[in-house]
C-alpha atoms as a PDB file:
ATOM      1  CA  MET A   1       0.000   0.000   0.000  1.00  0.00           C
ATOM      2  CA  LEU A   2       2.549   2.608   1.126  1.00  0.00           C
ATOM      3  CA  THR A   3       5.482   1.722  -1.082  1.00  0.00           C
ATOM      4  CA  SER A   4       7.072   5.036  -1.960  1.00  0.00           C
ATOM      5  CA  LYS A   5       8.705   7.433   0.464  1.00  0.00           C
ATOM      6  CA  LEU A   6       6.718  10.326  -0.917  1.00  0.00           C
ATOM      7  CA  THR A   7       3.412   8.550  -0.258  1.00  0.00           C
ATOM      8  CA  LEU A   8       4.465   7.658   3.272  1.00  0.00           C
ATOM      9  CA  MET A   9       5.628  11.206   3.948  1.00  0.00           C
ATOM     10  CA  LEU A  10       2.390  12.661   2.602  1.00  0.00           C
ATOM     11  CA  PHE A  11       0.310  10.231   4.674  1.00  0.00           C
ATOM     12  CA  THR A  12       2.279  11.157   7.813  1.00  0.00           C
ATOM     13  CA  TRP A  13       1.835  14.891   7.211  1.00  0.00           C
ATOM     14  CA  VAL A  14      -1.905  14.516   6.563  1.00  0.00           C
ATOM     15  CA  MET A  15      -2.367  12.461   9.733  1.00  0.00           C
ATOM     16  CA  ALA A  16      -0.383  14.989  11.788  1.00  0.00           C
ATOM     17  CA  LEU A  17      -2.474  17.820  10.356  1.00  0.00           C
ATOM     18  CA  LEU A  18      -5.729  16.013  11.179  1.00  0.00           C
ATOM     19  CA  VAL A  19      -4.592  15.315  14.745  1.00  0.00           C
ATOM     20  CA  SER A  20      -3.524  18.935  15.167  1.00  0.00           C
ATOM     21  CA  ILE A  21      -6.832  20.276  13.865  1.00  0.00           C
ATOM     22  CA  SER A  22      -8.856  17.895  16.020  1.00  0.00           C
ATOM     23  CA  LEU A  23      -6.901  18.853  19.153  1.00  0.00           C
ATOM     24  CA  ARG A  24      -7.435  22.527  18.361  1.00  0.00           C
ATOM     25  CA  VAL A  25     -11.184  21.995  17.938  1.00  0.00           C
ATOM     26  CA  VAL A  26     -11.401  20.063  21.217  1.00  0.00           C
ATOM     27  CA  GLY A  27      -9.460  22.864  22.929  1.00  0.00           C
ATOM     28  CA  ILE A  28     -11.922  25.446  21.627  1.00  0.00           C
ATOM     29  CA  ILE A  29     -14.936  23.367  22.708  1.00  0.00           C
ATOM     30  CA  HIS A  30     -13.498  22.626  26.186  1.00  0.00           C
ATOM     31  CA  PRO A  31     -11.544  25.767  27.231  1.00  0.00           C
ATOM     32  CA  GLN A  32     -11.010  24.780  30.875  1.00  0.00           C
ATOM     33  CA  PRO A  33      -7.445  23.834  31.930  1.00  0.00           C
ATOM     34  CA  PHE A  34      -6.373  20.251  31.323  1.00  0.00           C
ATOM     35  CA  SER A  35      -4.550  18.589  34.182  1.00  0.00           C
ATOM     36  CA  ILE A  36      -2.501  15.460  33.668  1.00  0.00           C
ATOM     37  CA  ASN A  37      -0.703  13.115  35.982  1.00  0.00           C
ATOM     38  CA  HIS A  38       3.063  13.772  35.905  1.00  0.00           C
ATOM     39  CA  PHE A  39       3.818  10.043  36.141  1.00  0.00           C
ATOM     40  CA  LEU A  40       1.827   9.495  32.941  1.00  0.00           C
ATOM     41  CA  VAL A  41       3.916  12.115  31.140  1.00  0.00           C
ATOM     42  CA  TRP A  42       7.155  10.381  32.187  1.00  0.00           C
ATOM     43  CA  VAL A  43       5.813   6.982  31.121  1.00  0.00           C
ATOM     44  CA  LEU A  44       4.721   8.310  27.731  1.00  0.00           C
ATOM     45  CA  LEU A  45       8.059  10.037  27.264  1.00  0.00           C
ATOM     46  CA  PHE A  46      10.458   7.268  28.301  1.00  0.00           C
ATOM     47  CA  GLY A  47       8.274   4.158  28.003  1.00  0.00           C
ATOM     48  CA  PRO A  48       8.796   3.423  24.298  1.00  0.00           C
ATOM     49  CA  SER A  49      12.574   3.857  24.576  1.00  0.00           C
ATOM     50  CA  PHE A  50      12.680   1.567  27.588  1.00  0.00           C
ATOM     51  CA  ALA A  51      10.504  -1.019  25.810  1.00  0.00           C
ATOM     52  CA  PHE A  52      12.867  -1.006  22.800  1.00  0.00           C
ATOM     53  CA  LEU A  53      15.854  -1.337  25.140  1.00  0.00           C
ATOM     54  CA  ILE A  54      14.331  -4.406  26.799  1.00  0.00           C
ATOM     55  CA  TYR A  55      13.319  -5.892  23.441  1.00  0.00           C
ATOM     56  CA  PHE A  56      16.767  -5.553  21.889  1.00  0.00           C
ATOM     57  CA  TRP A  57      18.485  -6.730  25.075  1.00  0.00           C
ATOM     58  CA  VAL A  58      16.332  -9.864  25.248  1.00  0.00           C
ATOM     59  CA  ARG A  59      16.741 -10.493  21.512  1.00  0.00           C
ATOM     60  CA  ARG A  60      20.516 -10.157  21.782  1.00  0.00           C
ATOM     61  CA  SER A  61      20.728 -12.470  24.786  1.00  0.00           C
ATOM     62  CA  PHE A  62      18.676 -15.162  23.011  1.00  0.00           C
ATOM     63  CA  SER A  63      20.770 -14.911  19.848  1.00  0.00           C
ATOM     64  CA  LEU A  64      24.002 -15.277  21.847  1.00  0.00           C
ATOM     65  CA  ASN A  65      22.690 -18.363  23.683  1.00  0.00           C
ATOM     66  CA  SER A  66      21.505 -20.059  20.507  1.00  0.00           C
ATOM     67  CA  SER A  67      24.923 -19.820  18.822  1.00  0.00           C
ATOM     68  CA  ILE A  68      26.728 -21.647  21.656  1.00  0.00           C
END
């Protein structure tokens, strides 16, 4: 489906634009302040990097054990 880089880039930009517009509309409809848990921000920020670290570490350890 998404075979060329240009198509993928265009799709990414369109999706980012739609998310941005929808967040702006929601902000206009609900103008009160939005409070968020600080722990959730840290998990969303560092969680994917930590998950990739664990995945690659486990994958590397299994590949080393299988070659012995």
